[in-house]
Amino acid sequence: MRRCVIVGGAPIERAEELRAYLRADDYMVYCDCGLRHEKALGRAPDLIVGDFDSHEDPHAAAETIVLPRVKDDTDSFFAAKEALHRGFRDFLLLGMTGARLDHTLGNLALMRMLEGAGAKALLVDGYSETEIVSEEAAVTDAFPYFSLLPLGGAAKGVCVTDAKFPLRDAALAPDSSLGVSNEPLPGKIARIRVGEGKLLLVRVKRG
């Protein structure tokens, strides 16, 4: 099954790095003012979704779903649900962080919705890549830093090896910063294991 790329309207920095994440057969969905990133990403839309309150309807040849401006879901949330309905289970999320904190947090909730639906999602911006971990993950030393943040309550039985700050059977609570800003050891791959709960893993590309 092809991967679905959903492009939101948050600022995109270092677009050339984000283009490197794209695959030739990706299904591209642009959400409203996410259309302003089309040229920088170099990919035409397969689907356009939006209420067009922040970008005019381009009346493009691509399939377009025009949403009402008064609705429960954000344009990006609707796009993700529509992609799930169409059978996609692998997602890359771009233009989802920065500028408005409320939208950034809403897009992290979008990731949780996708994970709950049995899909996997990677959120990427110019500084980091983020995914939800419920079992195991790894961080290479291509990323100078990484952080682990609990989702929906404490994560228990957390083990981290080959990192500057190793953990053994630790509990990461929502009111603690214990998992913030760790570092893979040089030449090593940091390994993460979660016994119970879920973690947001943020691999940081630069300090």
N, C-alpha and C. Protein backbone atom coordinates (compact mmCIF):
# COMPACT_ATOMS: atom_id res chain seq x y z
N MET A 1 0.84 -1.19 0.00
CA MET A 1 0.00 0.00 0.00
C MET A 1 0.87 1.24 0.00
N ARG A 2 0.50 2.24 -0.81
CA ARG A 2 1.26 3.48 -0.87
C ARG A 2 1.20 4.21 0.48
N ARG A 3 2.19 5.04 0.70
CA ARG A 3 2.19 5.88 1.89
C ARG A 3 1.43 7.17 1.59
N CYS A 4 0.76 7.69 2.59
CA CYS A 4 0.05 8.95 2.47
C CYS A 4 0.85 10.06 3.13
N VAL A 5 1.11 11.12 2.40
CA VAL A 5 1.80 12.30 2.94
C VAL A 5 0.76 13.40 3.10
N ILE A 6 0.59 13.88 4.33
CA ILE A 6 -0.35 14.98 4.59
C ILE A 6 0.45 16.23 4.90
N VAL A 7 0.19 17.28 4.14
CA VAL A 7 0.93 18.54 4.28
C VAL A 7 0.01 19.59 4.89
N GLY A 8 0.38 20.05 6.09
CA GLY A 8 -0.38 21.10 6.76
C GLY A 8 0.17 22.47 6.46
N GLY A 9 -0.42 23.47 7.10
CA GLY A 9 -0.09 24.85 6.78
C GLY A 9 0.94 25.50 7.67
N ALA A 10 1.53 24.77 8.63
CA ALA A 10 2.56 25.37 9.47
C ALA A 10 3.81 25.67 8.64
N PRO A 11 4.63 26.62 9.09
CA PRO A 11 5.84 26.95 8.32
C PRO A 11 6.74 25.73 8.12
N ILE A 12 7.34 25.64 6.94
CA ILE A 12 8.30 24.58 6.64
C ILE A 12 9.67 25.22 6.42
N GLU A 13 10.62 24.83 7.25
CA GLU A 13 12.00 25.26 7.08
C GLU A 13 12.83 24.09 6.56
N ARG A 14 13.85 24.42 5.79
CA ARG A 14 14.74 23.41 5.22
C ARG A 14 13.95 22.40 4.37
N ALA A 15 13.19 22.94 3.44
CA ALA A 15 12.34 22.10 2.60
C ALA A 15 13.14 21.06 1.83
N GLU A 16 14.40 21.39 1.51
CA GLU A 16 15.22 20.43 0.77
C GLU A 16 15.44 19.16 1.59
N GLU A 17 15.54 19.28 2.92
CA GLU A 17 15.69 18.10 3.76
C GLU A 17 14.40 17.29 3.80
N LEU A 18 13.28 17.98 3.81
CA LEU A 18 12.00 17.28 3.84
C LEU A 18 11.73 16.57 2.52
N ARG A 19 12.17 17.15 1.42
CA ARG A 19 11.99 16.49 0.12
C ARG A 19 12.68 15.14 0.08
N ALA A 20 13.78 15.00 0.84
CA ALA A 20 14.52 13.74 0.86
C ALA A 20 13.70 12.62 1.50
N TYR A 21 12.67 12.97 2.28
CA TYR A 21 11.82 11.95 2.90
C TYR A 21 10.77 11.41 1.93
N LEU A 22 10.52 12.13 0.84
CA LEU A 22 9.44 11.77 -0.06
C LEU A 22 9.83 10.60 -0.97
N ARG A 23 8.84 9.76 -1.26
CA ARG A 23 9.02 8.64 -2.18
C ARG A 23 8.27 8.94 -3.47
N ALA A 24 8.71 8.29 -4.54
CA ALA A 24 8.13 8.56 -5.85
C ALA A 24 6.64 8.24 -5.91
N ASP A 25 6.20 7.23 -5.15
CA ASP A 25 4.81 6.80 -5.25
C ASP A 25 3.95 7.31 -4.09
N ASP A 26 4.44 8.28 -3.31
CA ASP A 26 3.65 8.81 -2.21
C ASP A 26 2.35 9.43 -2.72
N TYR A 27 1.29 9.25 -1.93
CA TYR A 27 0.00 9.88 -2.20
C TYR A 27 -0.01 11.20 -1.44
N MET A 28 -0.05 12.33 -2.15
CA MET A 28 0.13 13.64 -1.56
C MET A 28 -1.21 14.31 -1.28
N VAL A 29 -1.42 14.67 -0.02
CA VAL A 29 -2.62 15.38 0.40
C VAL A 29 -2.21 16.74 0.96
N TYR A 30 -2.72 17.81 0.36
CA TYR A 30 -2.44 19.16 0.84
C TYR A 30 -3.69 19.70 1.54
N CYS A 31 -3.49 20.24 2.75
CA CYS A 31 -4.60 20.76 3.55
C CYS A 31 -4.60 22.28 3.52
N ASP A 32 -5.60 22.86 2.88
CA ASP A 32 -5.81 24.30 2.86
C ASP A 32 -4.51 25.06 2.56
N CYS A 33 -4.01 25.88 3.52
CA CYS A 33 -2.83 26.69 3.22
C CYS A 33 -1.55 25.86 3.17
N GLY A 34 -1.65 24.55 3.41
CA GLY A 34 -0.52 23.68 3.12
C GLY A 34 -0.16 23.71 1.65
N LEU A 35 -1.09 24.19 0.82
CA LEU A 35 -0.83 24.31 -0.62
C LEU A 35 0.32 25.26 -0.92
N ARG A 36 0.61 26.16 0.01
CA ARG A 36 1.72 27.09 -0.24
C ARG A 36 3.07 26.38 -0.24
N HIS A 37 3.10 25.14 0.24
CA HIS A 37 4.35 24.37 0.27
C HIS A 37 4.53 23.50 -0.98
N GLU A 38 3.56 23.50 -1.88
CA GLU A 38 3.62 22.61 -3.04
C GLU A 38 4.90 22.83 -3.85
N LYS A 39 5.22 24.07 -4.14
CA LYS A 39 6.41 24.35 -4.95
C LYS A 39 7.69 23.94 -4.23
N ALA A 40 7.78 24.26 -2.94
CA ALA A 40 8.99 23.93 -2.18
C ALA A 40 9.20 22.43 -2.08
N LEU A 41 8.11 21.67 -1.97
CA LEU A 41 8.23 20.22 -1.88
C LEU A 41 8.37 19.56 -3.23
N GLY A 42 7.98 20.27 -4.28
CA GLY A 42 8.15 19.76 -5.64
C GLY A 42 7.23 18.62 -5.99
N ARG A 43 6.07 18.55 -5.33
CA ARG A 43 5.14 17.46 -5.59
C ARG A 43 3.72 18.01 -5.74
N ALA A 44 3.05 17.61 -6.81
CA ALA A 44 1.67 18.02 -7.05
C ALA A 44 0.73 17.24 -6.14
N PRO A 45 -0.42 17.82 -5.81
CA PRO A 45 -1.36 17.11 -4.95
C PRO A 45 -2.11 16.00 -5.67
N ASP A 46 -2.36 14.90 -4.95
CA ASP A 46 -3.32 13.90 -5.39
C ASP A 46 -4.70 14.22 -4.84
N LEU A 47 -4.71 14.89 -3.68
CA LEU A 47 -5.96 15.28 -3.03
C LEU A 47 -5.74 16.60 -2.31
N ILE A 48 -6.72 17.48 -2.41
CA ILE A 48 -6.71 18.75 -1.68
C ILE A 48 -7.91 18.76 -0.74
N VAL A 49 -7.66 19.13 0.52
CA VAL A 49 -8.72 19.16 1.53
C VAL A 49 -8.67 20.51 2.23
N GLY A 50 -9.82 21.14 2.41
CA GLY A 50 -9.81 22.38 3.17
C GLY A 50 -11.11 23.12 3.14
N ASP A 51 -11.26 24.03 4.11
CA ASP A 51 -12.40 24.94 4.09
C ASP A 51 -12.01 26.26 3.43
N PHE A 52 -10.75 26.39 3.08
CA PHE A 52 -10.20 27.53 2.35
C PHE A 52 -10.48 28.86 3.05
N ASP A 53 -10.23 28.82 4.37
CA ASP A 53 -10.28 30.06 5.14
C ASP A 53 -8.91 30.73 5.21
N SER A 54 -7.85 29.99 4.86
CA SER A 54 -6.49 30.55 4.90
C SER A 54 -5.78 30.46 3.56
N HIS A 55 -6.44 29.91 2.56
CA HIS A 55 -5.89 29.81 1.21
C HIS A 55 -7.07 29.71 0.25
N GLU A 56 -6.96 30.38 -0.86
CA GLU A 56 -8.06 30.31 -1.81
C GLU A 56 -8.13 28.94 -2.48
N ASP A 57 -9.33 28.53 -2.82
CA ASP A 57 -9.52 27.27 -3.54
C ASP A 57 -8.83 27.40 -4.89
N PRO A 58 -7.82 26.55 -5.16
CA PRO A 58 -7.08 26.70 -6.42
C PRO A 58 -7.84 26.19 -7.64
N HIS A 59 -8.97 25.50 -7.40
CA HIS A 59 -9.73 24.90 -8.50
C HIS A 59 -8.78 24.11 -9.41
N ALA A 60 -7.95 23.30 -8.76
CA ALA A 60 -6.95 22.51 -9.48
C ALA A 60 -7.58 21.27 -10.09
N ALA A 61 -6.81 20.61 -10.95
CA ALA A 61 -7.29 19.37 -11.58
C ALA A 61 -7.36 18.24 -10.57
N ALA A 62 -6.59 18.34 -9.46
CA ALA A 62 -6.59 17.29 -8.44
C ALA A 62 -7.95 17.22 -7.75
N GLU A 63 -8.27 16.03 -7.27
CA GLU A 63 -9.49 15.86 -6.48
C GLU A 63 -9.46 16.82 -5.30
N THR A 64 -10.58 17.50 -5.06
CA THR A 64 -10.66 18.48 -3.98
C THR A 64 -11.90 18.23 -3.14
N ILE A 65 -11.72 18.19 -1.82
CA ILE A 65 -12.84 18.09 -0.88
C ILE A 65 -12.96 19.43 -0.16
N VAL A 66 -14.05 20.14 -0.42
CA VAL A 66 -14.29 21.43 0.21
C VAL A 66 -15.09 21.22 1.48
N LEU A 67 -14.52 21.65 2.60
CA LEU A 67 -15.14 21.44 3.91
C LEU A 67 -15.86 22.70 4.38
N PRO A 68 -16.87 22.54 5.23
CA PRO A 68 -17.49 23.73 5.83
C PRO A 68 -16.54 24.37 6.82
N ARG A 69 -16.67 25.66 7.03
CA ARG A 69 -15.77 26.34 7.97
C ARG A 69 -16.15 26.07 9.42
N VAL A 70 -17.38 25.72 9.67
CA VAL A 70 -17.81 25.35 11.02
C VAL A 70 -17.88 23.83 11.07
N LYS A 71 -16.95 23.21 11.80
CA LYS A 71 -16.86 21.75 11.83
C LYS A 71 -16.09 21.33 13.07
N ASP A 72 -16.14 20.05 13.39
CA ASP A 72 -15.46 19.52 14.58
C ASP A 72 -13.98 19.24 14.32
N ASP A 73 -13.64 18.74 13.12
CA ASP A 73 -12.27 18.37 12.80
C ASP A 73 -11.52 19.50 12.11
N THR A 74 -10.23 19.64 12.40
CA THR A 74 -9.39 20.51 11.59
C THR A 74 -9.26 19.91 10.19
N ASP A 75 -8.79 20.71 9.26
CA ASP A 75 -8.59 20.20 7.90
C ASP A 75 -7.65 19.01 7.90
N SER A 76 -6.57 19.08 8.70
CA SER A 76 -5.60 17.99 8.74
C SER A 76 -6.20 16.73 9.35
N PHE A 77 -7.00 16.90 10.40
CA PHE A 77 -7.65 15.75 11.03
C PHE A 77 -8.60 15.08 10.05
N PHE A 78 -9.38 15.90 9.33
CA PHE A 78 -10.30 15.35 8.34
C PHE A 78 -9.52 14.59 7.28
N ALA A 79 -8.41 15.17 6.81
CA ALA A 79 -7.60 14.53 5.77
C ALA A 79 -7.09 13.18 6.25
N ALA A 80 -6.63 13.11 7.49
CA ALA A 80 -6.12 11.84 8.03
C ALA A 80 -7.23 10.80 8.11
N LYS A 81 -8.41 11.20 8.57
CA LYS A 81 -9.53 10.26 8.65
C LYS A 81 -9.96 9.79 7.25
N GLU A 82 -9.94 10.71 6.29
CA GLU A 82 -10.30 10.34 4.92
C GLU A 82 -9.29 9.35 4.35
N ALA A 83 -8.00 9.58 4.64
CA ALA A 83 -6.96 8.67 4.15
C ALA A 83 -7.10 7.29 4.79
N LEU A 84 -7.44 7.24 6.08
CA LEU A 84 -7.69 5.96 6.73
C LEU A 84 -8.87 5.25 6.04
N HIS A 85 -9.92 6.00 5.75
CA HIS A 85 -11.09 5.44 5.08
C HIS A 85 -10.72 4.85 3.72
N ARG A 86 -9.71 5.45 3.07
CA ARG A 86 -9.28 4.98 1.75
C ARG A 86 -8.26 3.85 1.85
N GLY A 87 -7.94 3.44 3.06
CA GLY A 87 -7.09 2.27 3.24
C GLY A 87 -5.64 2.52 3.58
N PHE A 88 -5.23 3.77 3.71
CA PHE A 88 -3.83 4.07 4.02
C PHE A 88 -3.54 3.74 5.48
N ARG A 89 -2.37 3.17 5.73
CA ARG A 89 -1.95 2.84 7.09
C ARG A 89 -0.53 3.29 7.38
N ASP A 90 0.07 4.01 6.45
CA ASP A 90 1.43 4.52 6.62
C ASP A 90 1.40 6.01 6.26
N PHE A 91 1.83 6.87 7.19
CA PHE A 91 1.67 8.31 7.01
C PHE A 91 2.98 9.06 7.28
N LEU A 92 3.21 10.08 6.47
CA LEU A 92 4.25 11.07 6.71
C LEU A 92 3.55 12.41 6.84
N LEU A 93 3.83 13.11 7.94
CA LEU A 93 3.15 14.38 8.23
C LEU A 93 4.15 15.53 8.13
N LEU A 94 3.86 16.50 7.28
CA LEU A 94 4.72 17.66 7.06
C LEU A 94 3.91 18.93 7.29
N GLY A 95 4.61 20.02 7.66
CA GLY A 95 3.91 21.28 7.88
C GLY A 95 2.94 21.21 9.04
N MET A 96 3.32 20.50 10.09
CA MET A 96 2.41 20.24 11.21
C MET A 96 2.88 20.85 12.53
N THR A 97 4.05 21.45 12.58
CA THR A 97 4.57 22.00 13.83
C THR A 97 5.05 23.43 13.63
N GLY A 98 5.10 24.18 14.73
CA GLY A 98 5.58 25.54 14.68
C GLY A 98 4.44 26.54 14.56
N ALA A 99 4.77 27.82 14.66
CA ALA A 99 3.78 28.90 14.59
C ALA A 99 2.78 28.76 15.73
N ARG A 100 1.60 28.21 15.49
CA ARG A 100 0.57 28.12 16.53
C ARG A 100 0.71 26.84 17.35
N LEU A 101 0.93 27.03 18.66
CA LEU A 101 1.10 25.88 19.55
C LEU A 101 -0.15 25.02 19.58
N ASP A 102 -1.34 25.64 19.52
CA ASP A 102 -2.57 24.86 19.59
C ASP A 102 -2.69 23.90 18.42
N HIS A 103 -2.29 24.35 17.23
CA HIS A 103 -2.34 23.46 16.07
C HIS A 103 -1.28 22.36 16.18
N THR A 104 -0.11 22.71 16.70
CA THR A 104 0.94 21.70 16.90
C THR A 104 0.44 20.60 17.83
N LEU A 105 -0.16 20.98 18.96
CA LEU A 105 -0.67 19.99 19.90
C LEU A 105 -1.82 19.20 19.28
N GLY A 106 -2.65 19.87 18.49
CA GLY A 106 -3.72 19.16 17.80
C GLY A 106 -3.19 18.12 16.83
N ASN A 107 -2.06 18.42 16.21
CA ASN A 107 -1.47 17.47 15.26
C ASN A 107 -0.79 16.31 15.98
N LEU A 108 -0.34 16.51 17.21
CA LEU A 108 0.13 15.38 18.01
C LEU A 108 -1.05 14.48 18.37
N ALA A 109 -2.22 15.09 18.63
CA ALA A 109 -3.43 14.29 18.85
C ALA A 109 -3.80 13.52 17.59
N LEU A 110 -3.56 14.12 16.44
CA LEU A 110 -3.80 13.43 15.16
C LEU A 110 -2.94 12.18 15.07
N MET A 111 -1.68 12.29 15.50
CA MET A 111 -0.80 11.12 15.50
C MET A 111 -1.35 10.02 16.40
N ARG A 112 -1.87 10.41 17.56
CA ARG A 112 -2.45 9.42 18.47
C ARG A 112 -3.68 8.76 17.85
N MET A 113 -4.48 9.54 17.13
CA MET A 113 -5.65 8.98 16.46
C MET A 113 -5.21 7.95 15.43
N LEU A 114 -4.19 8.28 14.64
CA LEU A 114 -3.71 7.34 13.62
C LEU A 114 -3.16 6.07 14.28
N GLU A 115 -2.39 6.25 15.36
CA GLU A 115 -1.82 5.08 16.05
C GLU A 115 -2.93 4.20 16.59
N GLY A 116 -3.98 4.82 17.13
CA GLY A 116 -5.10 4.06 17.64
C GLY A 116 -5.87 3.31 16.57
N ALA A 117 -5.77 3.80 15.32
CA ALA A 117 -6.43 3.15 14.20
C ALA A 117 -5.55 2.07 13.56
N GLY A 118 -4.41 1.80 14.17
CA GLY A 118 -3.52 0.76 13.64
C GLY A 118 -2.60 1.24 12.55
N ALA A 119 -2.45 2.56 12.41
CA ALA A 119 -1.56 3.13 11.40
C ALA A 119 -0.28 3.61 12.07
N LYS A 120 0.76 3.78 11.26
CA LYS A 120 2.00 4.37 11.77
C LYS A 120 2.18 5.73 11.12
N ALA A 121 2.74 6.65 11.89
CA ALA A 121 2.92 8.01 11.38
C ALA A 121 4.26 8.56 11.82
N LEU A 122 4.91 9.26 10.92
CA LEU A 122 6.15 9.96 11.21
C LEU A 122 5.92 11.43 10.91
N LEU A 123 6.12 12.28 11.90
CA LEU A 123 5.97 13.73 11.73
C LEU A 123 7.36 14.33 11.62
N VAL A 124 7.59 15.08 10.55
CA VAL A 124 8.93 15.60 10.28
C VAL A 124 8.87 17.11 10.06
N ASP A 125 9.82 17.82 10.67
CA ASP A 125 10.00 19.24 10.36
C ASP A 125 11.49 19.50 10.15
N GLY A 126 11.88 20.75 10.06
CA GLY A 126 13.27 21.07 9.77
C GLY A 126 14.24 20.78 10.90
N TYR A 127 13.72 20.44 12.08
CA TYR A 127 14.58 20.24 13.24
C TYR A 127 14.52 18.83 13.80
N SER A 128 13.45 18.12 13.53
CA SER A 128 13.30 16.82 14.19
C SER A 128 12.33 15.93 13.43
N GLU A 129 12.31 14.66 13.84
CA GLU A 129 11.27 13.75 13.39
C GLU A 129 10.69 13.07 14.63
N THR A 130 9.37 12.86 14.60
CA THR A 130 8.65 12.41 15.79
C THR A 130 7.76 11.24 15.45
N GLU A 131 7.75 10.24 16.34
CA GLU A 131 6.86 9.10 16.18
C GLU A 131 6.42 8.60 17.55
N ILE A 132 5.36 7.80 17.57
CA ILE A 132 4.86 7.20 18.80
C ILE A 132 5.47 5.80 18.95
N VAL A 133 5.97 5.51 20.14
CA VAL A 133 6.61 4.22 20.42
C VAL A 133 5.85 3.52 21.54
N SER A 134 5.45 2.28 21.31
CA SER A 134 4.78 1.50 22.36
C SER A 134 5.54 0.22 22.68
N GLU A 135 6.56 -0.10 21.89
CA GLU A 135 7.35 -1.31 22.16
C GLU A 135 8.84 -1.01 22.07
N GLU A 136 9.37 -0.93 20.83
CA GLU A 136 10.81 -0.71 20.67
C GLU A 136 11.08 0.33 19.58
N ALA A 137 12.22 1.01 19.71
CA ALA A 137 12.65 1.98 18.71
C ALA A 137 14.16 2.15 18.83
N ALA A 138 14.72 2.87 17.86
CA ALA A 138 16.16 3.09 17.85
C ALA A 138 16.47 4.51 17.37
N VAL A 139 17.62 5.01 17.82
CA VAL A 139 18.09 6.33 17.39
C VAL A 139 19.57 6.21 17.04
N THR A 140 19.91 6.50 15.80
CA THR A 140 21.32 6.45 15.40
C THR A 140 22.02 7.73 15.82
N ASP A 141 23.35 7.71 15.76
CA ASP A 141 24.09 8.91 16.14
C ASP A 141 24.08 9.97 15.04
N ALA A 142 23.28 9.75 13.96
CA ALA A 142 23.03 10.82 12.99
C ALA A 142 22.18 11.91 13.63
N PHE A 143 21.50 11.56 14.72
CA PHE A 143 20.70 12.53 15.48
C PHE A 143 21.44 12.84 16.78
N PRO A 144 21.88 14.08 16.99
CA PRO A 144 22.68 14.38 18.19
C PRO A 144 21.89 14.29 19.49
N TYR A 145 20.56 14.45 19.41
CA TYR A 145 19.73 14.40 20.61
C TYR A 145 18.45 13.62 20.33
N PHE A 146 17.85 13.12 21.41
CA PHE A 146 16.50 12.58 21.30
C PHE A 146 15.81 12.73 22.64
N SER A 147 14.48 12.79 22.60
CA SER A 147 13.69 12.93 23.82
C SER A 147 12.57 11.91 23.83
N LEU A 148 12.19 11.50 25.02
CA LEU A 148 11.09 10.56 25.23
C LEU A 148 10.06 11.21 26.14
N LEU A 149 8.84 11.37 25.65
CA LEU A 149 7.79 12.03 26.40
C LEU A 149 6.58 11.11 26.50
N PRO A 150 6.09 10.85 27.70
CA PRO A 150 4.96 9.92 27.86
C PRO A 150 3.66 10.49 27.30
N LEU A 151 2.83 9.60 26.76
CA LEU A 151 1.53 9.98 26.20
C LEU A 151 0.42 9.28 26.97
N GLY A 152 -0.58 10.04 27.37
CA GLY A 152 -1.75 9.43 28.01
C GLY A 152 -1.48 8.77 29.33
N GLY A 153 -0.54 9.30 30.09
CA GLY A 153 -0.20 8.70 31.38
C GLY A 153 1.23 8.21 31.42
N ALA A 154 1.64 7.68 32.54
CA ALA A 154 3.03 7.25 32.71
C ALA A 154 3.37 6.06 31.81
N ALA A 155 4.59 6.05 31.33
CA ALA A 155 5.14 4.89 30.63
C ALA A 155 6.08 4.18 31.60
N LYS A 156 5.96 2.86 31.69
CA LYS A 156 6.72 2.10 32.67
C LYS A 156 7.61 1.06 31.98
N GLY A 157 8.59 0.60 32.73
CA GLY A 157 9.49 -0.39 32.17
C GLY A 157 10.29 0.13 31.00
N VAL A 158 10.64 1.43 31.06
CA VAL A 158 11.37 2.06 29.96
C VAL A 158 12.87 1.78 30.12
N CYS A 159 13.45 1.22 29.07
CA CYS A 159 14.89 0.94 29.05
C CYS A 159 15.53 1.67 27.88
N VAL A 160 16.64 2.31 28.13
CA VAL A 160 17.41 2.99 27.09
C VAL A 160 18.86 2.55 27.22
N THR A 161 19.43 2.03 26.15
CA THR A 161 20.82 1.59 26.16
C THR A 161 21.62 2.31 25.08
N ASP A 162 22.94 2.31 25.23
CA ASP A 162 23.86 2.97 24.30
C ASP A 162 23.51 4.43 24.12
N ALA A 163 23.19 5.09 25.23
CA ALA A 163 22.90 6.52 25.24
C ALA A 163 23.66 7.16 26.40
N LYS A 164 23.84 8.46 26.32
CA LYS A 164 24.57 9.18 27.37
C LYS A 164 23.90 9.00 28.73
N PHE A 165 22.57 8.97 28.73
CA PHE A 165 21.82 8.78 29.97
C PHE A 165 20.99 7.50 29.84
N PRO A 166 21.55 6.36 30.19
CA PRO A 166 20.81 5.10 30.08
C PRO A 166 19.70 5.02 31.12
N LEU A 167 18.69 4.25 30.80
CA LEU A 167 17.59 4.00 31.73
C LEU A 167 17.38 2.51 31.83
N ARG A 168 17.01 2.06 33.01
CA ARG A 168 16.72 0.64 33.22
C ARG A 168 15.43 0.52 34.01
N ASP A 169 14.42 -0.02 33.38
CA ASP A 169 13.13 -0.25 34.03
C ASP A 169 12.61 1.03 34.69
N ALA A 170 12.70 2.14 33.97
CA ALA A 170 12.31 3.44 34.52
C ALA A 170 10.84 3.73 34.24
N ALA A 171 10.29 4.65 35.02
CA ALA A 171 8.94 5.16 34.78
C ALA A 171 9.05 6.61 34.37
N LEU A 172 8.44 6.96 33.24
CA LEU A 172 8.41 8.34 32.77
C LEU A 172 7.00 8.87 32.97
N ALA A 173 6.88 9.88 33.79
CA ALA A 173 5.57 10.44 34.11
C ALA A 173 5.31 11.73 33.34
N PRO A 174 4.03 12.06 33.12
CA PRO A 174 3.70 13.28 32.37
C PRO A 174 4.16 14.57 33.06
N ASP A 175 4.40 14.53 34.38
CA ASP A 175 4.84 15.73 35.09
C ASP A 175 6.34 15.72 35.37
N SER A 176 7.09 14.97 34.56
CA SER A 176 8.54 14.87 34.73
C SER A 176 9.24 15.15 33.41
N SER A 177 10.46 15.68 33.50
CA SER A 177 11.26 15.93 32.30
C SER A 177 12.41 14.92 32.16
N LEU A 178 12.28 13.78 32.83
CA LEU A 178 13.37 12.80 32.87
C LEU A 178 13.81 12.36 31.48
N GLY A 179 12.87 12.24 30.53
CA GLY A 179 13.24 11.72 29.22
C GLY A 179 13.67 12.75 28.20
N VAL A 180 13.82 14.00 28.62
CA VAL A 180 14.13 15.07 27.68
C VAL A 180 15.64 15.19 27.43
N SER A 181 16.02 15.28 26.16
CA SER A 181 17.37 15.61 25.71
C SER A 181 18.43 14.60 26.12
N ASN A 182 18.29 13.40 25.60
CA ASN A 182 19.31 12.37 25.73
C ASN A 182 20.19 12.40 24.47
N GLU A 183 21.24 11.60 24.44
CA GLU A 183 22.15 11.59 23.30
C GLU A 183 22.61 10.16 23.00
N PRO A 184 22.53 9.71 21.75
CA PRO A 184 23.14 8.42 21.41
C PRO A 184 24.65 8.50 21.61
N LEU A 185 25.25 7.42 22.06
CA LEU A 185 26.71 7.39 22.16
C LEU A 185 27.33 7.41 20.77
N PRO A 186 28.49 8.06 20.62
CA PRO A 186 29.14 8.11 19.31
C PRO A 186 29.37 6.73 18.73
N GLY A 187 28.97 6.56 17.47
CA GLY A 187 29.16 5.28 16.79
C GLY A 187 28.21 4.19 17.22
N LYS A 188 27.25 4.52 18.09
CA LYS A 188 26.31 3.53 18.60
C LYS A 188 24.89 3.85 18.14
N ILE A 189 24.02 2.86 18.29
CA ILE A 189 22.59 3.04 18.06
C ILE A 189 21.89 2.92 19.40
N ALA A 190 21.28 4.01 19.86
CA ALA A 190 20.55 3.97 21.12
C ALA A 190 19.29 3.13 20.94
N ARG A 191 19.07 2.22 21.85
CA ARG A 191 17.91 1.32 21.79
C ARG A 191 16.93 1.69 22.89
N ILE A 192 15.66 1.74 22.53
CA ILE A 192 14.60 2.12 23.46
C ILE A 192 13.59 0.98 23.54
N ARG A 193 13.20 0.62 24.74
CA ARG A 193 12.18 -0.40 24.93
C ARG A 193 11.16 0.10 25.95
N VAL A 194 9.89 -0.12 25.66
CA VAL A 194 8.81 0.34 26.54
C VAL A 194 8.04 -0.89 27.02
N GLY A 195 7.93 -1.04 28.32
CA GLY A 195 7.20 -2.19 28.87
C GLY A 195 5.71 -1.96 28.91
N GLU A 196 5.30 -0.72 29.27
CA GLU A 196 3.88 -0.40 29.41
C GLU A 196 3.66 1.07 29.10
N GLY A 197 2.63 1.37 28.31
CA GLY A 197 2.33 2.75 27.96
C GLY A 197 2.92 3.13 26.60
N LYS A 198 2.86 4.42 26.32
CA LYS A 198 3.33 4.93 25.03
C LYS A 198 4.22 6.15 25.24
N LEU A 199 5.20 6.28 24.36
CA LEU A 199 6.12 7.41 24.41
C LEU A 199 6.12 8.14 23.07
N LEU A 200 6.27 9.44 23.15
CA LEU A 200 6.54 10.23 21.96
C LEU A 200 8.05 10.33 21.83
N LEU A 201 8.59 9.75 20.77
CA LEU A 201 10.03 9.80 20.52
C LEU A 201 10.33 10.92 19.55
N VAL A 202 11.14 11.87 19.99
CA VAL A 202 11.54 12.99 19.14
C VAL A 202 13.03 12.85 18.85
N ARG A 203 13.36 12.57 17.61
CA ARG A 203 14.76 12.53 17.19
C ARG A 203 15.13 13.92 16.67
N VAL A 204 16.11 14.55 17.32
CA VAL A 204 16.46 15.92 17.01
C VAL A 204 17.65 15.95 16.04
N LYS A 205 17.47 16.65 14.92
CA LYS A 205 18.51 16.69 13.89
C LYS A 205 19.65 17.63 14.22
N ARG A 206 19.35 18.67 14.98
CA ARG A 206 20.35 19.70 15.28
C ARG A 206 19.99 20.37 16.60
N GLY A 207 20.98 20.92 17.27
CA GLY A 207 20.74 21.56 18.55
C GLY A 207 20.11 22.93 18.43
